Amino acid sequence: MTNFKKLSILFLIILLVGLLWWIIILLQTFPKKYNFSELKNSKGTTAIVVLTGGKMRIEKGLSLLKKGFGEKLFISGVFEPSDIETKYGLKESQDYLLQCCISFGQKATNTIENAIEVEKWLEGSNEVDKLILVTSYYHLPRSMIIFEKKLPDLLIFPVKAENKIDLVDEFIFHFRLIISEYFKVLYTIITIK
């Protein structure tokens, strides 16, 4: 067997072991590591940040805001603020949320730009010391890597947008997402500054 074949096999084994590690982290370890329920009774100001781009993200952020888990909500990414009222069911009695508590960032097109957008939103605001980060389950680990690097002074609690994930029903869809995100995490770990 040539050295190239040996190196190729070794590389493939490392890649597969890493993928197995990633799946365990994503589905078992990561969700259990973070518990944001104690935030409700903690001191300081908590902001909720929603990264757009997936199902149920904005709904989860609005739900957390309405339940009092955060004082402010920032929706980062390409999104029209005018749609929020009609699309996400803010009734007239809840319009005050749009006036007092919800802000939008519309320039970010990827996770690093989301973090930069949030950083700019928080500039000059020394009152926020905790962040609830809402995005899809598969996107949380990479988002955490980026946000912890860009916002090191904040305590960040990741929250998955989905209440229930049915991996069996749409196995191919979720498998492709998980594989794609695995390589994005590797790239992020190598390149994040």
C-alpha atoms as a PDB file:
ATOM      1  CA  MET A   1       0.000   0.000   0.000  1.00  0.00           C
ATOM      2  CA  THR A   2       1.390   3.395  -0.963  1.00  0.00           C
ATOM      3  CA  ASN A   3       1.903   6.230   1.468  1.00  0.00           C
ATOM      4  CA  PHE A   4      -0.795   8.229  -0.322  1.00  0.00           C
ATOM      5  CA  LYS A   5      -3.362   5.458   0.236  1.00  0.00           C
ATOM      6  CA  LYS A   6      -2.372   5.148   3.894  1.00  0.00           C
ATOM      7  CA  LEU A   7      -2.693   8.887   4.402  1.00  0.00           C
ATOM      8  CA  SER A   8      -6.028   8.906   2.564  1.00  0.00           C
ATOM      9  CA  ILE A   9      -7.396   6.120   4.764  1.00  0.00           C
ATOM     10  CA  LEU A  10      -6.114   7.832   7.908  1.00  0.00           C
ATOM     11  CA  PHE A  11      -7.686  11.126   6.807  1.00  0.00           C
ATOM     12  CA  LEU A  12     -11.007   9.390   6.083  1.00  0.00           C
ATOM     13  CA  ILE A  13     -10.987   7.671   9.495  1.00  0.00           C
ATOM     14  CA  ILE A  14     -10.261  10.975  11.247  1.00  0.00           C
ATOM     15  CA  LEU A  15     -13.055  12.637   9.270  1.00  0.00           C
ATOM     16  CA  LEU A  16     -15.557   9.888  10.163  1.00  0.00           C
ATOM     17  CA  VAL A  17     -14.591   9.875  13.856  1.00  0.00           C
ATOM     18  CA  GLY A  18     -14.949  13.654  13.840  1.00  0.00           C
ATOM     19  CA  LEU A  19     -18.376  13.350  12.224  1.00  0.00           C
ATOM     20  CA  LEU A  20     -19.487  10.849  14.862  1.00  0.00           C
ATOM     21  CA  TRP A  21     -18.206  13.220  17.565  1.00  0.00           C
ATOM     22  CA  TRP A  22     -20.114  16.069  15.890  1.00  0.00           C
ATOM     23  CA  ILE A  23     -23.404  14.141  15.829  1.00  0.00           C
ATOM     24  CA  ILE A  24     -23.051  13.217  19.522  1.00  0.00           C
ATOM     25  CA  ILE A  25     -22.225  16.833  20.433  1.00  0.00           C
ATOM     26  CA  LEU A  26     -25.078  18.187  18.324  1.00  0.00           C
ATOM     27  CA  LEU A  27     -27.830  15.865  19.479  1.00  0.00           C
ATOM     28  CA  GLN A  28     -26.825  14.834  23.006  1.00  0.00           C
ATOM     29  CA  THR A  29     -24.153  16.856  24.754  1.00  0.00           C
ATOM     30  CA  PHE A  30     -24.800  20.371  23.467  1.00  0.00           C
ATOM     31  CA  PRO A  31     -28.529  20.588  24.353  1.00  0.00           C
ATOM     32  CA  LYS A  32     -27.856  19.319  27.891  1.00  0.00           C
ATOM     33  CA  LYS A  33     -24.891  21.636  28.497  1.00  0.00           C
ATOM     34  CA  TYR A  34     -26.884  24.841  28.335  1.00  0.00           C
ATOM     35  CA  ASN A  35     -29.893  25.613  30.504  1.00  0.00           C
ATOM     36  CA  PHE A  36     -31.318  29.095  30.247  1.00  0.00           C
ATOM     37  CA  SER A  37     -34.301  28.625  32.578  1.00  0.00           C
ATOM     38  CA  GLU A  38     -32.448  30.214  35.508  1.00  0.00           C
ATOM     39  CA  LEU A  39     -32.085  33.419  33.480  1.00  0.00           C
ATOM     40  CA  LYS A  40     -35.584  34.548  34.385  1.00  0.00           C
ATOM     41  CA  ASN A  41     -34.594  35.161  38.007  1.00  0.00           C
ATOM     42  CA  SER A  42     -31.040  36.404  37.396  1.00  0.00           C
ATOM     43  CA  LYS A  43     -29.839  39.990  37.734  1.00  0.00           C
ATOM     44  CA  GLY A  44     -28.750  42.133  34.811  1.00  0.00           C
ATOM     45  CA  THR A  45     -30.238  42.703  31.401  1.00  0.00           C
ATOM     46  CA  THR A  46     -30.804  39.887  28.963  1.00  0.00           C
ATOM     47  CA  ALA A  47     -31.185  40.408  25.235  1.00  0.00           C
ATOM     48  CA  ILE A  48     -32.636  37.816  22.886  1.00  0.00           C
ATOM     49  CA  VAL A  49     -31.009  37.526  19.467  1.00  0.00           C
ATOM     50  CA  VAL A  50     -32.665  35.641  16.616  1.00  0.00           C
ATOM     51  CA  LEU A  51     -30.616  34.634  13.591  1.00  0.00           C
ATOM     52  CA  THR A  52     -32.983  34.476  10.618  1.00  0.00           C
ATOM     53  CA  GLY A  53     -32.801  31.837   7.944  1.00  0.00           C
ATOM     54  CA  GLY A  54     -34.739  28.886   9.336  1.00  0.00           C
ATOM     55  CA  LYS A  55     -38.154  27.796  10.480  1.00  0.00           C
ATOM     56  CA  MET A  56     -39.528  28.778  13.885  1.00  0.00           C
ATOM     57  CA  ARG A  57     -36.625  31.058  14.815  1.00  0.00           C
ATOM     58  CA  ILE A  58     -38.543  34.335  14.982  1.00  0.00           C
ATOM     59  CA  GLU A  59     -41.521  32.649  16.638  1.00  0.00           C
ATOM     60  CA  LYS A  60     -39.247  31.255  19.361  1.00  0.00           C
ATOM     61  CA  GLY A  61     -37.624  34.653  19.933  1.00  0.00           C
ATOM     62  CA  LEU A  62     -41.014  36.367  20.218  1.00  0.00           C
ATOM     63  CA  SER A  63     -42.228  33.672  22.599  1.00  0.00           C
ATOM     64  CA  LEU A  64     -39.179  34.120  24.850  1.00  0.00           C
ATOM     65  CA  LEU A  65     -39.670  37.895  24.846  1.00  0.00           C
ATOM     66  CA  LYS A  66     -43.379  37.612  25.707  1.00  0.00           C
ATOM     67  CA  LYS A  67     -42.561  35.182  28.547  1.00  0.00           C
ATOM     68  CA  GLY A  68     -40.089  37.643  30.039  1.00  0.00           C
ATOM     69  CA  PHE A  69     -36.830  35.789  29.412  1.00  0.00           C
ATOM     70  CA  GLY A  70     -35.332  38.939  27.897  1.00  0.00           C
ATOM     71  CA  GLU A  71     -35.963  42.661  27.883  1.00  0.00           C
ATOM     72  CA  LYS A  72     -34.950  43.251  24.259  1.00  0.00           C
ATOM     73  CA  LEU A  73     -35.187  41.258  21.038  1.00  0.00           C
ATOM     74  CA  PHE A  74     -32.868  41.736  18.081  1.00  0.00           C
ATOM     75  CA  ILE A  75     -33.676  39.976  14.813  1.00  0.00           C
ATOM     76  CA  SER A  76     -30.522  39.742  12.722  1.00  0.00           C
ATOM     77  CA  GLY A  77     -30.399  38.935   9.047  1.00  0.00           C
ATOM     78  CA  VAL A  78     -32.240  39.673   5.852  1.00  0.00           C
ATOM     79  CA  PHE A  79     -35.799  40.333   6.987  1.00  0.00           C
ATOM     80  CA  GLU A  80     -38.421  43.031   6.481  1.00  0.00           C
ATOM     81  CA  PRO A  81     -39.574  44.527   9.800  1.00  0.00           C
ATOM     82  CA  SER A  82     -42.978  45.361   8.328  1.00  0.00           C
ATOM     83  CA  ASP A  83     -43.726  41.645   7.998  1.00  0.00           C
ATOM     84  CA  ILE A  84     -43.245  40.882  11.680  1.00  0.00           C
ATOM     85  CA  GLU A  85     -46.611  42.211  12.815  1.00  0.00           C
ATOM     86  CA  THR A  86     -48.716  40.335  10.270  1.00  0.00           C
ATOM     87  CA  LYS A  87     -46.654  37.209   9.744  1.00  0.00           C
ATOM     88  CA  TYR A  88     -45.930  36.453  13.383  1.00  0.00           C
ATOM     89  CA  GLY A  89     -49.217  37.376  14.991  1.00  0.00           C
ATOM     90  CA  LEU A  90     -48.467  40.428  17.070  1.00  0.00           C
ATOM     91  CA  LYS A  91     -51.919  41.650  17.987  1.00  0.00           C
ATOM     92  CA  GLU A  92     -52.725  45.334  18.469  1.00  0.00           C
ATOM     93  CA  SER A  93     -52.439  44.845  22.209  1.00  0.00           C
ATOM     94  CA  GLN A  94     -48.848  43.664  21.691  1.00  0.00           C
ATOM     95  CA  ASP A  95     -47.750  46.455  19.326  1.00  0.00           C
ATOM     96  CA  TYR A  96     -45.859  47.990  22.219  1.00  0.00           C
ATOM     97  CA  LEU A  97     -43.295  45.202  21.779  1.00  0.00           C
ATOM     98  CA  LEU A  98     -42.420  46.574  18.350  1.00  0.00           C
ATOM     99  CA  GLN A  99     -42.050  50.080  19.772  1.00  0.00           C
ATOM    100  CA  CYS A 100     -40.058  49.332  22.911  1.00  0.00           C
ATOM    101  CA  CYS A 101     -38.354  46.035  22.662  1.00  0.00           C
ATOM    102  CA  ILE A 102     -37.774  44.724  19.123  1.00  0.00           C
ATOM    103  CA  SER A 103     -34.951  45.882  16.846  1.00  0.00           C
ATOM    104  CA  PHE A 104     -33.893  44.663  13.425  1.00  0.00           C
ATOM    105  CA  GLY A 105     -30.640  44.235  11.574  1.00  0.00           C
ATOM    106  CA  GLN A 106     -31.091  43.688   7.868  1.00  0.00           C
ATOM    107  CA  LYS A 107     -27.585  43.552   6.467  1.00  0.00           C
ATOM    108  CA  ALA A 108     -26.207  40.232   7.728  1.00  0.00           C
ATOM    109  CA  THR A 109     -26.189  37.380   5.223  1.00  0.00           C
ATOM    110  CA  ASN A 110     -24.144  34.844   7.212  1.00  0.00           C
ATOM    111  CA  THR A 111     -23.366  33.955  10.819  1.00  0.00           C
ATOM    112  CA  ILE A 112     -20.209  36.053  11.114  1.00  0.00           C
ATOM    113  CA  GLU A 113     -22.095  39.076   9.775  1.00  0.00           C
ATOM    114  CA  ASN A 114     -24.890  38.283  12.283  1.00  0.00           C
ATOM    115  CA  ALA A 115     -22.371  38.484  15.128  1.00  0.00           C
ATOM    116  CA  ILE A 116     -20.963  41.768  13.805  1.00  0.00           C
ATOM    117  CA  GLU A 117     -24.493  43.157  13.447  1.00  0.00           C
ATOM    118  CA  VAL A 118     -25.321  42.178  17.038  1.00  0.00           C
ATOM    119  CA  GLU A 119     -22.028  43.643  18.254  1.00  0.00           C
ATOM    120  CA  LYS A 120     -22.906  46.983  16.602  1.00  0.00           C
ATOM    121  CA  TRP A 121     -26.434  46.849  18.052  1.00  0.00           C
ATOM    122  CA  LEU A 122     -24.985  46.375  21.524  1.00  0.00           C
ATOM    123  CA  GLU A 123     -22.315  49.108  21.170  1.00  0.00           C
ATOM    124  CA  GLY A 124     -22.637  51.662  23.900  1.00  0.00           C
ATOM    125  CA  SER A 125     -25.119  49.503  25.778  1.00  0.00           C
ATOM    126  CA  ASN A 126     -23.330  48.394  28.923  1.00  0.00           C
ATOM    127  CA  GLU A 127     -26.579  47.186  30.419  1.00  0.00           C
ATOM    128  CA  VAL A 128     -26.799  43.909  28.447  1.00  0.00           C
ATOM    129  CA  ASP A 129     -24.681  41.206  30.052  1.00  0.00           C
ATOM    130  CA  LYS A 130     -26.502  38.071  28.886  1.00  0.00           C
ATOM    131  CA  LEU A 131     -27.618  36.965  25.461  1.00  0.00           C
ATOM    132  CA  ILE A 132     -30.116  34.288  24.500  1.00  0.00           C
ATOM    133  CA  LEU A 133     -29.122  33.136  21.019  1.00  0.00           C
ATOM    134  CA  VAL A 134     -31.974  31.597  19.010  1.00  0.00           C
ATOM    135  CA  THR A 135     -31.320  29.617  15.853  1.00  0.00           C
ATOM    136  CA  SER A 136     -31.841  26.105  14.483  1.00  0.00           C
ATOM    137  CA  TYR A 137     -30.458  23.106  16.399  1.00  0.00           C
ATOM    138  CA  TYR A 138     -27.832  22.290  13.780  1.00  0.00           C
ATOM    139  CA  HIS A 139     -26.654  25.915  13.623  1.00  0.00           C
ATOM    140  CA  LEU A 140     -26.208  26.490  17.371  1.00  0.00           C
ATOM    141  CA  PRO A 141     -22.668  25.106  17.895  1.00  0.00           C
ATOM    142  CA  ARG A 142     -21.158  27.142  15.050  1.00  0.00           C
ATOM    143  CA  SER A 143     -23.110  30.214  16.123  1.00  0.00           C
ATOM    144  CA  MET A 144     -21.792  29.792  19.659  1.00  0.00           C
ATOM    145  CA  ILE A 145     -18.196  29.533  18.430  1.00  0.00           C
ATOM    146  CA  ILE A 146     -18.582  32.757  16.459  1.00  0.00           C
ATOM    147  CA  PHE A 147     -20.582  34.719  19.036  1.00  0.00           C
ATOM    148  CA  GLU A 148     -18.320  33.737  21.937  1.00  0.00           C
ATOM    149  CA  LYS A 149     -15.339  34.911  19.891  1.00  0.00           C
ATOM    150  CA  LYS A 150     -16.955  38.206  18.803  1.00  0.00           C
ATOM    151  CA  LEU A 151     -18.714  38.972  22.129  1.00  0.00           C
ATOM    152  CA  PRO A 152     -16.425  37.513  24.815  1.00  0.00           C
ATOM    153  CA  ASP A 153     -17.792  39.670  27.649  1.00  0.00           C
ATOM    154  CA  LEU A 154     -21.349  38.354  27.363  1.00  0.00           C
ATOM    155  CA  LEU A 155     -22.795  35.212  28.866  1.00  0.00           C
ATOM    156  CA  ILE A 156     -24.461  33.471  25.907  1.00  0.00           C
ATOM    157  CA  PHE A 157     -27.236  30.899  26.200  1.00  0.00           C
ATOM    158  CA  PRO A 158     -28.105  29.022  22.992  1.00  0.00           C
ATOM    159  CA  VAL A 159     -31.735  28.058  22.395  1.00  0.00           C
ATOM    160  CA  LYS A 160     -32.866  25.877  19.526  1.00  0.00           C
ATOM    161  CA  ALA A 161     -35.816  27.230  17.590  1.00  0.00           C
ATOM    162  CA  GLU A 162     -37.461  23.864  17.149  1.00  0.00           C
ATOM    163  CA  ASN A 163     -39.488  22.466  20.035  1.00  0.00           C
ATOM    164  CA  LYS A 164     -39.317  18.949  18.619  1.00  0.00           C
ATOM    165  CA  ILE A 165     -36.960  17.545  16.022  1.00  0.00           C
ATOM    166  CA  ASP A 166     -38.056  14.495  14.062  1.00  0.00           C
ATOM    167  CA  LEU A 167     -34.854  13.172  12.530  1.00  0.00           C
ATOM    168  CA  VAL A 168     -36.500   9.964  11.353  1.00  0.00           C
ATOM    169  CA  ASP A 169     -39.310  11.567   9.358  1.00  0.00           C
ATOM    170  CA  GLU A 170     -37.006  13.729   7.244  1.00  0.00           C
ATOM    171  CA  PHE A 171     -33.780  11.781   7.696  1.00  0.00           C
ATOM    172  CA  ILE A 172     -32.074  12.736   4.405  1.00  0.00           C
ATOM    173  CA  PHE A 173     -32.855  16.435   4.890  1.00  0.00           C
ATOM    174  CA  HIS A 174     -31.470  16.499   8.440  1.00  0.00           C
ATOM    175  CA  PHE A 175     -28.491  14.296   7.568  1.00  0.00           C
ATOM    176  CA  ARG A 176     -27.475  16.697   4.792  1.00  0.00           C
ATOM    177  CA  LEU A 177     -27.838  19.665   7.158  1.00  0.00           C
ATOM    178  CA  ILE A 178     -25.755  17.961   9.841  1.00  0.00           C
ATOM    179  CA  ILE A 179     -22.989  17.000   7.378  1.00  0.00           C
ATOM    180  CA  SER A 180     -22.933  20.480   5.847  1.00  0.00           C
ATOM    181  CA  GLU A 181     -22.812  22.141   9.256  1.00  0.00           C
ATOM    182  CA  TYR A 182     -20.015  19.789  10.370  1.00  0.00           C
ATOM    183  CA  PHE A 183     -17.758  21.071   7.607  1.00  0.00           C
ATOM    184  CA  LYS A 184     -18.792  24.664   8.326  1.00  0.00           C
ATOM    185  CA  VAL A 185     -17.848  24.187  11.989  1.00  0.00           C
ATOM    186  CA  LEU A 186     -14.441  22.801  10.998  1.00  0.00           C
ATOM    187  CA  TYR A 187     -13.913  25.760   8.675  1.00  0.00           C
ATOM    188  CA  THR A 188     -15.023  28.201  11.380  1.00  0.00           C
ATOM    189  CA  ILE A 189     -12.699  26.693  13.987  1.00  0.00           C
ATOM    190  CA  ILE A 190      -9.781  27.031  11.579  1.00  0.00           C
ATOM    191  CA  THR A 191     -10.549  30.541  10.286  1.00  0.00           C
ATOM    192  CA  ILE A 192     -12.330  32.493  13.058  1.00  0.00           C
ATOM    193  CA  LYS A 193     -10.408  35.531  14.272  1.00  0.00           C
END
